[in-house]
Amino acid sequence: MIRVLLVHDSCLLRSALGGLIDAEPDIEVTTTSWRDARCRARSIRPHVCVVDTHCPGSDGAARKGELAEISGEISGKDGRGELLVLADAERPGPLRRAHEARALGYIDRNAPPHRLLDGIRSVAKKERFIDDSLGYGFLQAARMPLTARELSVLSLAAEGASVAEIARSLHLSNGTIRNYMAAITRKTGARNRVDAIRISRGKGWL
């Protein structure tokens, strides 16, 4: 039996996806919010953890490194669990963050339901599973000029966080955050912080 942990902050979508997965005779699913994801991962030790990169909690979790922590939690000492993400080719930023968290499977969010089930079964067998339609997104992700940390800083800035708030959230100094913002502005060819956010959103990095 394949144990699946489904992480999503929308109760409605979590229930719908959970019902789809749980209807399969060879798969059992546990659903959870991002807040409880690490705890649930430790308790059930899933073979596959399914995460929607567009769900409300996923971007914040990725910024703080929680996606990678969950990936480490499910693999543990025996290396059994793997990460599978639902992604969008038009948003290379979340794709890159999932790759840096060592996700093994990538499903197009617009794919038919059976693709998710196929992906779960493949990833449970330690086989890489990537929808062909995400190829453009991966190409764009590879061309992104910003590092993972710079994306984290910019994402928080896009939510209106001040330098001090970003520093506290990422456990860095105010000076370090200012240096990151200067590098982000230079790399994106922006005039200022607001312009860097606009450019990055337009390209799907945020």
C-alpha atoms as a PDB file:
ATOM      1  CA  MET A   1       0.000   0.000   0.000  1.00  0.00           C
ATOM      2  CA  ILE A   2       1.344   3.442  -0.984  1.00  0.00           C
ATOM      3  CA  ARG A   3       1.076   5.979   1.827  1.00  0.00           C
ATOM      4  CA  VAL A   4       0.464   9.512   0.554  1.00  0.00           C
ATOM      5  CA  LEU A   5       0.542  12.778   2.470  1.00  0.00           C
ATOM      6  CA  LEU A   6      -1.373  15.556   0.700  1.00  0.00           C
ATOM      7  CA  VAL A   7      -0.430  19.077   1.816  1.00  0.00           C
ATOM      8  CA  HIS A   8      -2.804  21.916   0.942  1.00  0.00           C
ATOM      9  CA  ASP A   9      -4.183  24.900   2.834  1.00  0.00           C
ATOM     10  CA  SER A  10      -7.551  24.939   1.047  1.00  0.00           C
ATOM     11  CA  CYS A  11      -9.854  22.544   2.897  1.00  0.00           C
ATOM     12  CA  LEU A  12     -12.140  22.185  -0.118  1.00  0.00           C
ATOM     13  CA  LEU A  13      -9.405  21.322  -2.600  1.00  0.00           C
ATOM     14  CA  ARG A  14      -7.605  19.172  -0.040  1.00  0.00           C
ATOM     15  CA  SER A  15     -10.764  17.112   0.473  1.00  0.00           C
ATOM     16  CA  ALA A  16     -11.452  16.802  -3.259  1.00  0.00           C
ATOM     17  CA  LEU A  17      -7.930  15.672  -4.132  1.00  0.00           C
ATOM     18  CA  GLY A  18      -7.816  13.416  -1.087  1.00  0.00           C
ATOM     19  CA  GLY A  19     -11.044  11.716  -2.152  1.00  0.00           C
ATOM     20  CA  LEU A  20      -9.697  11.151  -5.675  1.00  0.00           C
ATOM     21  CA  ILE A  21      -6.495   9.575  -4.392  1.00  0.00           C
ATOM     22  CA  ASP A  22      -8.106   7.544  -1.626  1.00  0.00           C
ATOM     23  CA  ALA A  23     -10.500   5.862  -4.084  1.00  0.00           C
ATOM     24  CA  GLU A  24      -7.567   3.871  -5.482  1.00  0.00           C
ATOM     25  CA  PRO A  25      -7.218   0.384  -3.952  1.00  0.00           C
ATOM     26  CA  ASP A  26      -3.408   0.554  -3.711  1.00  0.00           C
ATOM     27  CA  ILE A  27      -3.147   4.045  -2.172  1.00  0.00           C
ATOM     28  CA  GLU A  28      -4.062   5.424   1.239  1.00  0.00           C
ATOM     29  CA  VAL A  29      -3.986   9.189   1.779  1.00  0.00           C
ATOM     30  CA  THR A  30      -3.676  11.513   4.732  1.00  0.00           C
ATOM     31  CA  THR A  31      -4.425  15.211   4.192  1.00  0.00           C
ATOM     32  CA  THR A  32      -3.028  18.124   6.156  1.00  0.00           C
ATOM     33  CA  SER A  33      -2.464  21.871   6.117  1.00  0.00           C
ATOM     34  CA  TRP A  34       1.000  23.418   5.852  1.00  0.00           C
ATOM     35  CA  ARG A  35       0.953  24.254   9.549  1.00  0.00           C
ATOM     36  CA  ASP A  36       0.812  20.574  10.500  1.00  0.00           C
ATOM     37  CA  ALA A  37       2.711  19.138   7.544  1.00  0.00           C
ATOM     38  CA  ARG A  38       6.032  18.395   9.242  1.00  0.00           C
ATOM     39  CA  CYS A  39       4.352  16.776  12.231  1.00  0.00           C
ATOM     40  CA  ARG A  40       2.168  14.587  10.013  1.00  0.00           C
ATOM     41  CA  ALA A  41       5.148  13.662   7.854  1.00  0.00           C
ATOM     42  CA  ARG A  42       7.006  12.426  10.929  1.00  0.00           C
ATOM     43  CA  SER A  43       4.045  10.420  12.192  1.00  0.00           C
ATOM     44  CA  ILE A  44       2.887   8.621   9.051  1.00  0.00           C
ATOM     45  CA  ARG A  45       6.209   8.440   7.128  1.00  0.00           C
ATOM     46  CA  PRO A  46       4.578   8.696   3.680  1.00  0.00           C
ATOM     47  CA  HIS A  47       6.033   7.149   0.571  1.00  0.00           C
ATOM     48  CA  VAL A  48       4.898  10.225  -1.392  1.00  0.00           C
ATOM     49  CA  CYS A  49       4.170  13.776  -0.247  1.00  0.00           C
ATOM     50  CA  VAL A  50       1.975  15.681  -2.732  1.00  0.00           C
ATOM     51  CA  VAL A  51       2.166  19.495  -2.644  1.00  0.00           C
ATOM     52  CA  ASP A  52       0.353  22.061  -4.791  1.00  0.00           C
ATOM     53  CA  THR A  53       2.805  24.903  -5.463  1.00  0.00           C
ATOM     54  CA  HIS A  54      -0.135  27.309  -5.863  1.00  0.00           C
ATOM     55  CA  CYS A  55      -1.844  26.584  -2.566  1.00  0.00           C
ATOM     56  CA  PRO A  56      -1.880  29.486  -0.057  1.00  0.00           C
ATOM     57  CA  GLY A  57       0.747  28.079   2.282  1.00  0.00           C
ATOM     58  CA  SER A  58       3.230  26.756  -0.250  1.00  0.00           C
ATOM     59  CA  ASP A  59       4.987  29.998  -1.215  1.00  0.00           C
ATOM     60  CA  GLY A  60       5.520  31.048   2.381  1.00  0.00           C
ATOM     61  CA  ALA A  61       6.778  27.605   3.284  1.00  0.00           C
ATOM     62  CA  ALA A  62       9.176  27.586   0.344  1.00  0.00           C
ATOM     63  CA  ARG A  63      10.556  30.986   1.326  1.00  0.00           C
ATOM     64  CA  LYS A  64      11.375  29.750   4.804  1.00  0.00           C
ATOM     65  CA  GLY A  65      12.826  26.464   3.610  1.00  0.00           C
ATOM     66  CA  GLU A  66       9.949  24.342   4.909  1.00  0.00           C
ATOM     67  CA  LEU A  67       9.460  22.543   1.599  1.00  0.00           C
ATOM     68  CA  ALA A  68      13.016  21.241   1.809  1.00  0.00           C
ATOM     69  CA  GLU A  69      12.502  20.386   5.485  1.00  0.00           C
ATOM     70  CA  ILE A  70       9.404  18.343   4.672  1.00  0.00           C
ATOM     71  CA  SER A  71      11.341  16.609   1.910  1.00  0.00           C
ATOM     72  CA  GLY A  72      14.013  15.725   4.461  1.00  0.00           C
ATOM     73  CA  GLU A  73      11.368  14.668   6.975  1.00  0.00           C
ATOM     74  CA  ILE A  74       9.701  12.172   4.645  1.00  0.00           C
ATOM     75  CA  SER A  75      12.971  10.707   3.412  1.00  0.00           C
ATOM     76  CA  GLY A  76      14.427  10.299   6.896  1.00  0.00           C
ATOM     77  CA  LYS A  77      17.103   7.742   7.614  1.00  0.00           C
ATOM     78  CA  ASP A  78      15.591   5.033   5.427  1.00  0.00           C
ATOM     79  CA  GLY A  79      15.156   7.365   2.429  1.00  0.00           C
ATOM     80  CA  ARG A  80      11.684   6.063   1.650  1.00  0.00           C
ATOM     81  CA  GLY A  81       9.604   9.182   1.038  1.00  0.00           C
ATOM     82  CA  GLU A  82       9.647  11.404  -2.031  1.00  0.00           C
ATOM     83  CA  LEU A  83       8.156  14.759  -2.982  1.00  0.00           C
ATOM     84  CA  LEU A  84       5.681  15.260  -5.846  1.00  0.00           C
ATOM     85  CA  VAL A  85       4.476  18.746  -6.769  1.00  0.00           C
ATOM     86  CA  LEU A  86       1.589  20.137  -8.781  1.00  0.00           C
ATOM     87  CA  ALA A  87       3.009  23.009 -10.824  1.00  0.00           C
ATOM     88  CA  ASP A  88       2.369  25.497 -13.626  1.00  0.00           C
ATOM     89  CA  ALA A  89       4.686  26.031 -16.595  1.00  0.00           C
ATOM     90  CA  GLU A  90       3.909  29.748 -16.476  1.00  0.00           C
ATOM     91  CA  ARG A  91       5.374  30.052 -12.968  1.00  0.00           C
ATOM     92  CA  PRO A  92       9.047  28.997 -13.104  1.00  0.00           C
ATOM     93  CA  GLY A  93       9.731  30.366  -9.608  1.00  0.00           C
ATOM     94  CA  PRO A  94       7.783  27.667  -7.717  1.00  0.00           C
ATOM     95  CA  LEU A  95       9.204  25.041 -10.088  1.00  0.00           C
ATOM     96  CA  ARG A  96      12.734  26.078  -9.196  1.00  0.00           C
ATOM     97  CA  ARG A  97      11.982  26.037  -5.474  1.00  0.00           C
ATOM     98  CA  ALA A  98      10.518  22.536  -5.795  1.00  0.00           C
ATOM     99  CA  HIS A  99      13.606  21.386  -7.683  1.00  0.00           C
ATOM    100  CA  GLU A 100      15.854  22.798  -4.972  1.00  0.00           C
ATOM    101  CA  ALA A 101      13.785  20.840  -2.448  1.00  0.00           C
ATOM    102  CA  ARG A 102      14.676  17.704  -4.463  1.00  0.00           C
ATOM    103  CA  ALA A 103      11.159  16.926  -5.702  1.00  0.00           C
ATOM    104  CA  LEU A 104      11.093  13.730  -7.760  1.00  0.00           C
ATOM    105  CA  GLY A 105       7.737  14.247  -9.483  1.00  0.00           C
ATOM    106  CA  TYR A 106       6.178  17.234 -11.276  1.00  0.00           C
ATOM    107  CA  ILE A 107       2.537  17.220 -12.445  1.00  0.00           C
ATOM    108  CA  ASP A 108       0.932  19.952 -14.523  1.00  0.00           C
ATOM    109  CA  ARG A 109      -1.906  21.460 -12.486  1.00  0.00           C
ATOM    110  CA  ASN A 110      -4.089  21.322 -15.621  1.00  0.00           C
ATOM    111  CA  ALA A 111      -3.397  17.636 -16.280  1.00  0.00           C
ATOM    112  CA  PRO A 112      -6.230  15.065 -16.086  1.00  0.00           C
ATOM    113  CA  PRO A 113      -6.671  13.314 -12.706  1.00  0.00           C
ATOM    114  CA  HIS A 114      -5.141  10.049 -13.858  1.00  0.00           C
ATOM    115  CA  ARG A 115      -1.795  11.825 -14.337  1.00  0.00           C
ATOM    116  CA  LEU A 116      -1.647  12.568 -10.626  1.00  0.00           C
ATOM    117  CA  LEU A 117      -2.284   8.916  -9.831  1.00  0.00           C
ATOM    118  CA  ASP A 118       0.335   7.829 -12.380  1.00  0.00           C
ATOM    119  CA  GLY A 119       2.780  10.278 -10.832  1.00  0.00           C
ATOM    120  CA  ILE A 120       2.163   9.010  -7.319  1.00  0.00           C
ATOM    121  CA  ARG A 121       2.781   5.412  -8.340  1.00  0.00           C
ATOM    122  CA  SER A 122       5.947   6.287 -10.257  1.00  0.00           C
ATOM    123  CA  VAL A 123       7.407   8.447  -7.507  1.00  0.00           C
ATOM    124  CA  ALA A 124       6.598   5.766  -4.922  1.00  0.00           C
ATOM    125  CA  LYS A 125       8.870   3.463  -6.959  1.00  0.00           C
ATOM    126  CA  LYS A 126      11.627   6.128  -6.928  1.00  0.00           C
ATOM    127  CA  GLU A 127      11.054   6.899 -10.601  1.00  0.00           C
ATOM    128  CA  ARG A 128      11.222  10.507 -11.793  1.00  0.00           C
ATOM    129  CA  PHE A 129       7.905  11.695 -13.230  1.00  0.00           C
ATOM    130  CA  ILE A 130       7.652  14.991 -15.145  1.00  0.00           C
ATOM    131  CA  ASP A 131       4.814  16.166 -17.376  1.00  0.00           C
ATOM    132  CA  ASP A 132       6.137  17.158 -20.801  1.00  0.00           C
ATOM    133  CA  SER A 133       4.045  20.333 -20.656  1.00  0.00           C
ATOM    134  CA  LEU A 134       6.269  21.643 -17.849  1.00  0.00           C
ATOM    135  CA  GLY A 135       9.359  21.683 -20.040  1.00  0.00           C
ATOM    136  CA  TYR A 136       8.969  25.382 -20.847  1.00  0.00           C
ATOM    137  CA  GLY A 137       8.680  26.183 -17.137  1.00  0.00           C
ATOM    138  CA  PHE A 138      11.900  24.307 -16.351  1.00  0.00           C
ATOM    139  CA  LEU A 139      13.686  26.107 -19.181  1.00  0.00           C
ATOM    140  CA  GLN A 140      12.558  29.454 -17.795  1.00  0.00           C
ATOM    141  CA  ALA A 141      13.517  28.406 -14.265  1.00  0.00           C
ATOM    142  CA  ALA A 142      17.042  27.616 -15.443  1.00  0.00           C
ATOM    143  CA  ARG A 143      17.317  31.109 -16.907  1.00  0.00           C
ATOM    144  CA  MET A 144      16.194  32.909 -13.760  1.00  0.00           C
ATOM    145  CA  PRO A 145      18.939  35.300 -12.626  1.00  0.00           C
ATOM    146  CA  LEU A 146      17.893  35.293  -8.968  1.00  0.00           C
ATOM    147  CA  THR A 147      19.145  32.831  -6.370  1.00  0.00           C
ATOM    148  CA  ALA A 148      16.786  30.962  -4.048  1.00  0.00           C
ATOM    149  CA  ARG A 149      17.606  33.356  -1.204  1.00  0.00           C
ATOM    150  CA  GLU A 150      17.033  36.398  -3.389  1.00  0.00           C
ATOM    151  CA  LEU A 151      13.661  34.986  -4.410  1.00  0.00           C
ATOM    152  CA  SER A 152      12.795  34.504  -0.756  1.00  0.00           C
ATOM    153  CA  VAL A 153      13.669  38.097   0.036  1.00  0.00           C
ATOM    154  CA  LEU A 154      11.776  39.450  -2.963  1.00  0.00           C
ATOM    155  CA  SER A 155       8.700  37.331  -2.238  1.00  0.00           C
ATOM    156  CA  LEU A 156       8.474  38.728   1.274  1.00  0.00           C
ATOM    157  CA  ALA A 157       9.021  42.248  -0.040  1.00  0.00           C
ATOM    158  CA  ALA A 158       6.183  41.692  -2.518  1.00  0.00           C
ATOM    159  CA  GLU A 159       3.870  41.021   0.421  1.00  0.00           C
ATOM    160  CA  GLY A 160       4.743  44.427   1.840  1.00  0.00           C
ATOM    161  CA  ALA A 161       7.254  43.314   4.465  1.00  0.00           C
ATOM    162  CA  SER A 162       9.828  45.894   5.560  1.00  0.00           C
ATOM    163  CA  VAL A 163      13.572  45.250   5.585  1.00  0.00           C
ATOM    164  CA  ALA A 164      13.435  44.577   9.323  1.00  0.00           C
ATOM    165  CA  GLU A 165      10.492  42.178   8.954  1.00  0.00           C
ATOM    166  CA  ILE A 166      12.214  40.267   6.156  1.00  0.00           C
ATOM    167  CA  ALA A 167      15.375  40.050   8.240  1.00  0.00           C
ATOM    168  CA  ARG A 168      13.479  38.627  11.219  1.00  0.00           C
ATOM    169  CA  SER A 169      11.596  36.122   9.068  1.00  0.00           C
ATOM    170  CA  LEU A 170      14.763  34.806   7.406  1.00  0.00           C
ATOM    171  CA  HIS A 171      16.994  35.192  10.493  1.00  0.00           C
ATOM    172  CA  LEU A 172      19.349  37.591   8.736  1.00  0.00           C
ATOM    173  CA  SER A 173      20.632  41.095   9.481  1.00  0.00           C
ATOM    174  CA  ASN A 174      19.042  44.243   8.057  1.00  0.00           C
ATOM    175  CA  GLY A 175      22.260  45.007   6.188  1.00  0.00           C
ATOM    176  CA  THR A 176      22.245  41.598   4.533  1.00  0.00           C
ATOM    177  CA  ILE A 177      18.663  42.114   3.356  1.00  0.00           C
ATOM    178  CA  ARG A 178      19.570  45.509   1.902  1.00  0.00           C
ATOM    179  CA  ASN A 179      22.468  43.888   0.031  1.00  0.00           C
ATOM    180  CA  TYR A 180      20.102  41.242  -1.342  1.00  0.00           C
ATOM    181  CA  MET A 181      17.637  43.913  -2.469  1.00  0.00           C
ATOM    182  CA  ALA A 182      20.421  45.811  -4.233  1.00  0.00           C
ATOM    183  CA  ALA A 183      21.494  42.632  -6.035  1.00  0.00           C
ATOM    184  CA  ILE A 184      17.895  41.833  -6.982  1.00  0.00           C
ATOM    185  CA  THR A 185      17.376  45.301  -8.431  1.00  0.00           C
ATOM    186  CA  ARG A 186      20.577  45.013 -10.458  1.00  0.00           C
ATOM    187  CA  LYS A 187      19.904  41.482 -11.750  1.00  0.00           C
ATOM    188  CA  THR A 188      16.332  42.206 -12.808  1.00  0.00           C
ATOM    189  CA  GLY A 189      17.301  45.477 -14.491  1.00  0.00           C
ATOM    190  CA  ALA A 190      14.778  47.274 -12.297  1.00  0.00           C
ATOM    191  CA  ARG A 191      14.785  50.892 -11.190  1.00  0.00           C
ATOM    192  CA  ASN A 192      13.847  50.122  -7.604  1.00  0.00           C
ATOM    193  CA  ARG A 193      12.279  47.524  -5.321  1.00  0.00           C
ATOM    194  CA  VAL A 194       8.742  48.074  -6.605  1.00  0.00           C
ATOM    195  CA  ASP A 195       9.907  47.730 -10.200  1.00  0.00           C
ATOM    196  CA  ALA A 196      11.799  44.519  -9.344  1.00  0.00           C
ATOM    197  CA  ILE A 197       8.604  43.050  -7.879  1.00  0.00           C
ATOM    198  CA  ARG A 198       6.628  44.045 -10.988  1.00  0.00           C
ATOM    199  CA  ILE A 199       9.185  42.496 -13.344  1.00  0.00           C
ATOM    200  CA  SER A 200       9.446  39.284 -11.322  1.00  0.00           C
ATOM    201  CA  ARG A 201       5.707  38.832 -11.106  1.00  0.00           C
ATOM    202  CA  GLY A 202       5.376  39.368 -14.828  1.00  0.00           C
ATOM    203  CA  LYS A 203       7.886  36.613 -15.497  1.00  0.00           C
ATOM    204  CA  GLY A 204       6.279  34.168 -13.053  1.00  0.00           C
ATOM    205  CA  TRP A 205       9.194  34.141 -10.630  1.00  0.00           C
ATOM    206  CA  LEU A 206       6.954  35.057  -7.698  1.00  0.00           C
END
